[in-house]
N, C-alpha and C. Protein backbone atom coordinates (compact mmCIF):
# COMPACT_ATOMS: atom_id res chain seq x y z
N MET A 1 -13.68 1.19 7.62
CA MET A 1 -12.89 1.70 8.73
C MET A 1 -12.63 0.62 9.77
N GLU A 2 -13.51 -0.37 9.84
CA GLU A 2 -13.32 -1.44 10.81
C GLU A 2 -12.07 -2.25 10.51
N LEU A 3 -11.74 -2.38 9.21
CA LEU A 3 -10.52 -3.11 8.85
C LEU A 3 -9.28 -2.42 9.38
N ILE A 4 -9.26 -1.09 9.31
CA ILE A 4 -8.10 -0.35 9.79
C ILE A 4 -7.99 -0.43 11.30
N SER A 5 -9.12 -0.43 12.00
CA SER A 5 -9.06 -0.48 13.47
C SER A 5 -8.54 -1.81 13.98
N ASN A 6 -8.68 -2.88 13.20
CA ASN A 6 -8.18 -4.19 13.61
C ASN A 6 -6.75 -4.45 13.16
N ALA A 7 -6.19 -3.59 12.32
CA ALA A 7 -4.86 -3.81 11.78
C ALA A 7 -3.78 -3.53 12.83
N GLY A 8 -2.69 -4.28 12.74
CA GLY A 8 -1.57 -4.09 13.66
C GLY A 8 -0.66 -2.97 13.20
N ILE A 9 0.39 -2.74 13.97
CA ILE A 9 1.33 -1.65 13.68
C ILE A 9 2.04 -1.88 12.35
N PHE A 10 2.50 -3.11 12.11
CA PHE A 10 3.20 -3.39 10.85
C PHE A 10 2.27 -3.21 9.66
N ALA A 11 1.03 -3.65 9.80
CA ALA A 11 0.07 -3.50 8.71
C ALA A 11 -0.21 -2.03 8.43
N LEU A 12 -0.34 -1.24 9.48
CA LEU A 12 -0.58 0.20 9.28
C LEU A 12 0.62 0.89 8.64
N ALA A 13 1.83 0.51 9.08
CA ALA A 13 3.03 1.11 8.50
C ALA A 13 3.14 0.77 7.01
N SER A 14 2.91 -0.49 6.67
CA SER A 14 3.00 -0.88 5.26
C SER A 14 1.83 -0.31 4.47
N LEU A 15 0.70 -0.12 5.13
CA LEU A 15 -0.46 0.45 4.46
C LEU A 15 -0.21 1.91 4.07
N PHE A 16 0.27 2.68 5.01
CA PHE A 16 0.44 4.11 4.75
C PHE A 16 1.74 4.47 4.07
N MET A 17 2.56 3.48 3.73
CA MET A 17 3.75 3.73 2.93
C MET A 17 3.34 4.24 1.54
N GLY A 18 2.16 3.87 1.09
CA GLY A 18 1.68 4.33 -0.21
C GLY A 18 1.42 5.82 -0.28
N VAL A 19 1.23 6.45 0.86
CA VAL A 19 0.97 7.89 0.89
C VAL A 19 2.23 8.69 0.53
N VAL A 20 3.40 8.14 0.82
CA VAL A 20 4.65 8.86 0.58
C VAL A 20 4.87 9.13 -0.92
N PRO A 21 4.84 8.13 -1.81
CA PRO A 21 5.00 8.47 -3.23
C PRO A 21 3.84 9.30 -3.78
N LEU A 22 2.65 9.14 -3.18
CA LEU A 22 1.52 9.97 -3.61
C LEU A 22 1.79 11.44 -3.31
N ALA A 23 2.36 11.72 -2.15
CA ALA A 23 2.69 13.11 -1.80
C ALA A 23 3.80 13.65 -2.70
N VAL A 24 4.80 12.83 -2.97
CA VAL A 24 5.89 13.28 -3.86
C VAL A 24 5.36 13.48 -5.27
N GLY A 25 4.46 12.60 -5.73
CA GLY A 25 3.85 12.77 -7.06
C GLY A 25 3.04 14.05 -7.15
N ALA A 26 2.29 14.37 -6.09
CA ALA A 26 1.52 15.61 -6.08
C ALA A 26 2.43 16.82 -6.08
N THR A 27 3.51 16.73 -5.30
CA THR A 27 4.49 17.83 -5.29
C THR A 27 5.13 18.01 -6.65
N TYR A 28 5.44 16.89 -7.32
CA TYR A 28 6.03 16.96 -8.65
C TYR A 28 5.05 17.55 -9.67
N ALA A 29 3.77 17.23 -9.54
CA ALA A 29 2.79 17.77 -10.48
C ALA A 29 2.68 19.29 -10.34
N ILE A 30 2.86 19.80 -9.10
CA ILE A 30 2.76 21.24 -8.87
C ILE A 30 4.07 21.94 -9.20
N TRP A 31 5.18 21.40 -8.69
CA TRP A 31 6.51 21.98 -8.89
C TRP A 31 7.45 20.93 -9.48
N PRO A 32 7.39 20.71 -10.80
CA PRO A 32 8.23 19.67 -11.40
C PRO A 32 9.73 19.99 -11.29
N SER A 33 10.50 19.01 -10.84
CA SER A 33 11.95 19.14 -10.82
C SER A 33 12.56 17.74 -10.97
N ASP A 34 13.81 17.71 -11.43
CA ASP A 34 14.48 16.43 -11.63
C ASP A 34 14.68 15.68 -10.31
N ALA A 35 14.93 16.40 -9.24
CA ALA A 35 15.16 15.75 -7.94
C ALA A 35 13.90 15.02 -7.46
N ARG A 36 12.74 15.64 -7.63
CA ARG A 36 11.50 14.98 -7.22
C ARG A 36 11.20 13.77 -8.10
N LEU A 37 11.49 13.90 -9.39
CA LEU A 37 11.26 12.78 -10.29
C LEU A 37 12.18 11.61 -9.96
N GLU A 38 13.41 11.91 -9.58
CA GLU A 38 14.36 10.84 -9.22
C GLU A 38 13.93 10.12 -7.94
N LEU A 39 13.20 10.78 -7.07
CA LEU A 39 12.72 10.14 -5.84
C LEU A 39 11.62 9.12 -6.10
N MET A 40 10.90 9.27 -7.18
CA MET A 40 9.74 8.41 -7.42
C MET A 40 10.10 6.94 -7.59
N ARG A 41 11.20 6.63 -8.24
CA ARG A 41 11.55 5.22 -8.44
C ARG A 41 11.84 4.50 -7.13
N PRO A 42 12.75 5.00 -6.28
CA PRO A 42 12.98 4.27 -5.03
C PRO A 42 11.77 4.27 -4.09
N LEU A 43 11.00 5.35 -4.09
CA LEU A 43 9.80 5.36 -3.25
C LEU A 43 8.75 4.38 -3.77
N SER A 44 8.65 4.24 -5.08
CA SER A 44 7.72 3.27 -5.66
C SER A 44 8.13 1.85 -5.31
N LEU A 45 9.43 1.58 -5.40
CA LEU A 45 9.91 0.25 -5.03
C LEU A 45 9.67 -0.04 -3.55
N ALA A 46 9.92 0.94 -2.71
CA ALA A 46 9.69 0.76 -1.27
C ALA A 46 8.21 0.49 -1.00
N THR A 47 7.33 1.17 -1.72
CA THR A 47 5.90 0.96 -1.54
C THR A 47 5.48 -0.42 -2.01
N ILE A 48 6.04 -0.87 -3.13
CA ILE A 48 5.72 -2.22 -3.62
C ILE A 48 6.17 -3.26 -2.61
N PHE A 49 7.38 -3.11 -2.08
CA PHE A 49 7.88 -4.07 -1.09
C PHE A 49 7.07 -4.02 0.19
N ALA A 50 6.65 -2.83 0.61
CA ALA A 50 5.83 -2.71 1.81
C ALA A 50 4.46 -3.35 1.59
N ALA A 51 3.89 -3.18 0.40
CA ALA A 51 2.59 -3.78 0.11
C ALA A 51 2.67 -5.31 0.11
N VAL A 52 3.70 -5.84 -0.52
CA VAL A 52 3.84 -7.29 -0.58
C VAL A 52 4.12 -7.88 0.80
N SER A 53 5.02 -7.23 1.55
CA SER A 53 5.33 -7.76 2.89
C SER A 53 4.14 -7.59 3.84
N GLY A 54 3.41 -6.50 3.75
CA GLY A 54 2.22 -6.31 4.57
C GLY A 54 1.15 -7.34 4.27
N THR A 55 0.99 -7.67 2.99
CA THR A 55 0.04 -8.69 2.60
C THR A 55 0.48 -10.06 3.09
N ALA A 56 1.77 -10.35 2.97
CA ALA A 56 2.29 -11.64 3.45
C ALA A 56 2.11 -11.79 4.96
N VAL A 57 2.39 -10.74 5.71
CA VAL A 57 2.20 -10.80 7.17
C VAL A 57 0.72 -11.00 7.51
N GLY A 58 -0.15 -10.36 6.76
CA GLY A 58 -1.58 -10.56 6.99
C GLY A 58 -2.01 -11.99 6.73
N PHE A 59 -1.49 -12.59 5.64
CA PHE A 59 -1.79 -13.99 5.36
C PHE A 59 -1.23 -14.90 6.45
N LEU A 60 -0.01 -14.60 6.91
CA LEU A 60 0.58 -15.41 7.97
C LEU A 60 -0.25 -15.35 9.25
N ASN A 61 -0.69 -14.17 9.62
CA ASN A 61 -1.52 -14.04 10.82
C ASN A 61 -2.86 -14.74 10.66
N THR A 62 -3.42 -14.67 9.47
CA THR A 62 -4.69 -15.36 9.22
C THR A 62 -4.52 -16.87 9.31
N LEU A 63 -3.44 -17.39 8.72
CA LEU A 63 -3.19 -18.82 8.81
C LEU A 63 -2.90 -19.25 10.24
N ARG A 64 -2.25 -18.41 11.00
CA ARG A 64 -2.00 -18.71 12.42
C ARG A 64 -3.32 -18.79 13.18
N PHE A 65 -4.23 -17.87 12.88
CA PHE A 65 -5.55 -17.90 13.50
C PHE A 65 -6.30 -19.19 13.16
N VAL A 66 -6.23 -19.58 11.89
CA VAL A 66 -6.90 -20.80 11.45
C VAL A 66 -6.32 -22.02 12.17
N ALA A 67 -4.99 -22.06 12.31
CA ALA A 67 -4.35 -23.19 12.96
C ALA A 67 -4.71 -23.30 14.44
N GLN A 68 -4.96 -22.18 15.09
CA GLN A 68 -5.28 -22.20 16.51
C GLN A 68 -6.74 -22.51 16.79
N ASN A 69 -7.60 -22.37 15.81
CA ASN A 69 -9.03 -22.60 16.00
C ASN A 69 -9.47 -23.83 15.23
N GLN A 70 -9.75 -24.88 15.95
CA GLN A 70 -10.18 -26.14 15.35
C GLN A 70 -11.69 -26.27 15.49
N PRO A 71 -12.44 -26.81 14.62
CA PRO A 71 -12.04 -27.35 13.33
C PRO A 71 -11.82 -26.23 12.32
N ILE A 72 -11.02 -26.51 11.32
CA ILE A 72 -10.69 -25.51 10.30
C ILE A 72 -11.90 -25.33 9.39
N ALA A 73 -12.34 -24.10 9.26
CA ALA A 73 -13.49 -23.80 8.42
C ALA A 73 -13.36 -22.37 7.89
N PHE A 74 -13.98 -22.14 6.75
CA PHE A 74 -14.02 -20.80 6.19
C PHE A 74 -15.16 -20.06 6.88
N ASN A 75 -14.80 -19.24 7.88
CA ASN A 75 -15.81 -18.52 8.65
C ASN A 75 -15.55 -17.02 8.59
N GLY A 76 -16.35 -16.28 9.34
CA GLY A 76 -16.26 -14.82 9.32
C GLY A 76 -14.89 -14.26 9.69
N PRO A 77 -14.31 -14.68 10.83
CA PRO A 77 -12.99 -14.16 11.18
C PRO A 77 -11.91 -14.48 10.15
N PHE A 78 -12.01 -15.65 9.52
CA PHE A 78 -11.05 -16.01 8.47
C PHE A 78 -11.20 -15.07 7.28
N ALA A 79 -12.43 -14.79 6.88
CA ALA A 79 -12.67 -13.88 5.76
C ALA A 79 -12.20 -12.47 6.08
N ILE A 80 -12.41 -12.04 7.32
CA ILE A 80 -11.95 -10.71 7.73
C ILE A 80 -10.42 -10.63 7.68
N GLY A 81 -9.75 -11.70 8.12
CA GLY A 81 -8.29 -11.74 8.05
C GLY A 81 -7.77 -11.64 6.63
N LEU A 82 -8.41 -12.35 5.72
CA LEU A 82 -8.02 -12.26 4.31
C LEU A 82 -8.27 -10.86 3.75
N ALA A 83 -9.39 -10.27 4.12
CA ALA A 83 -9.71 -8.91 3.64
C ALA A 83 -8.69 -7.90 4.15
N GLU A 84 -8.32 -8.03 5.43
CA GLU A 84 -7.30 -7.13 5.98
C GLU A 84 -5.97 -7.31 5.27
N SER A 85 -5.65 -8.54 4.93
CA SER A 85 -4.39 -8.82 4.24
C SER A 85 -4.35 -8.15 2.88
N LEU A 86 -5.44 -8.24 2.16
CA LEU A 86 -5.49 -7.69 0.80
C LEU A 86 -5.67 -6.18 0.78
N MET A 87 -6.14 -5.61 1.88
CA MET A 87 -6.35 -4.16 1.95
C MET A 87 -5.03 -3.41 1.74
N THR A 88 -3.96 -3.91 2.32
CA THR A 88 -2.65 -3.26 2.17
C THR A 88 -2.24 -3.22 0.71
N LEU A 89 -2.39 -4.34 0.03
CA LEU A 89 -2.02 -4.41 -1.38
C LEU A 89 -2.87 -3.46 -2.22
N PHE A 90 -4.17 -3.46 -1.99
CA PHE A 90 -5.09 -2.61 -2.73
C PHE A 90 -4.78 -1.13 -2.51
N PHE A 91 -4.62 -0.73 -1.26
CA PHE A 91 -4.40 0.68 -0.95
C PHE A 91 -3.06 1.18 -1.51
N ASP A 92 -1.99 0.40 -1.29
CA ASP A 92 -0.67 0.85 -1.75
C ASP A 92 -0.59 0.93 -3.27
N PHE A 93 -1.14 -0.06 -3.96
CA PHE A 93 -1.08 0.00 -5.42
C PHE A 93 -2.01 1.07 -5.98
N GLY A 94 -3.10 1.35 -5.30
CA GLY A 94 -3.95 2.47 -5.70
C GLY A 94 -3.24 3.80 -5.55
N CYS A 95 -2.51 3.96 -4.44
CA CYS A 95 -1.72 5.18 -4.23
C CYS A 95 -0.62 5.30 -5.28
N LEU A 96 0.02 4.18 -5.62
CA LEU A 96 1.06 4.23 -6.65
C LEU A 96 0.49 4.62 -8.01
N ALA A 97 -0.67 4.09 -8.35
CA ALA A 97 -1.30 4.46 -9.62
C ALA A 97 -1.59 5.95 -9.67
N ALA A 98 -2.16 6.47 -8.59
CA ALA A 98 -2.45 7.91 -8.54
C ALA A 98 -1.17 8.73 -8.56
N ALA A 99 -0.14 8.28 -7.87
CA ALA A 99 1.13 9.01 -7.84
C ALA A 99 1.74 9.11 -9.23
N TRP A 100 1.74 8.00 -9.97
CA TRP A 100 2.32 8.04 -11.30
C TRP A 100 1.46 8.82 -12.28
N LEU A 101 0.17 8.89 -12.06
CA LEU A 101 -0.66 9.78 -12.89
C LEU A 101 -0.31 11.24 -12.62
N LEU A 102 -0.03 11.56 -11.35
CA LEU A 102 0.41 12.92 -11.02
C LEU A 102 1.78 13.22 -11.63
N VAL A 103 2.66 12.23 -11.67
CA VAL A 103 3.95 12.41 -12.32
C VAL A 103 3.75 12.69 -13.81
N ALA A 104 2.80 11.98 -14.43
CA ALA A 104 2.50 12.22 -15.84
C ALA A 104 2.02 13.65 -16.07
N VAL A 105 1.23 14.17 -15.14
CA VAL A 105 0.79 15.56 -15.23
C VAL A 105 1.99 16.50 -15.13
N GLY A 106 2.89 16.21 -14.20
CA GLY A 106 4.10 17.04 -14.06
C GLY A 106 4.97 16.99 -15.30
N LEU A 107 5.11 15.81 -15.90
CA LEU A 107 5.89 15.70 -17.13
C LEU A 107 5.23 16.45 -18.26
N TRP A 108 3.91 16.42 -18.32
CA TRP A 108 3.19 17.16 -19.34
C TRP A 108 3.40 18.66 -19.16
N ARG A 109 3.42 19.12 -17.90
CA ARG A 109 3.62 20.55 -17.65
C ARG A 109 5.04 20.99 -17.99
N ARG A 110 6.02 20.09 -17.85
CA ARG A 110 7.42 20.43 -18.13
C ARG A 110 7.72 20.47 -19.61
N SER A 111 6.94 19.73 -20.42
CA SER A 111 7.26 19.63 -21.84
C SER A 111 7.05 20.97 -22.52
N PRO A 112 7.91 21.28 -23.49
CA PRO A 112 7.82 22.58 -24.16
C PRO A 112 6.65 22.69 -25.10
């Protein structure tokens, strides 16, 4: 939870973008329809782009921190910055995996 409390607005927005396809996947698993299935592709792409851009911004902020603090060393704040950067990628791709598993359940329920 400490990682989330240190994250900025952009990191939080890109982090929680993964919840959107997860919610649509859960809705599709319960009430399968073509419209919900069609939403999954663009929402998945948006989540992938949000995860990559959130991770890139985290790396940029970490490198900025390193550049401002001399001498350059691998220390605790640097490691925390890297962990925060990778958290967005981990969370969003985990949500995408769960969302597509829910879509598979919905497809299984729709099959005759």
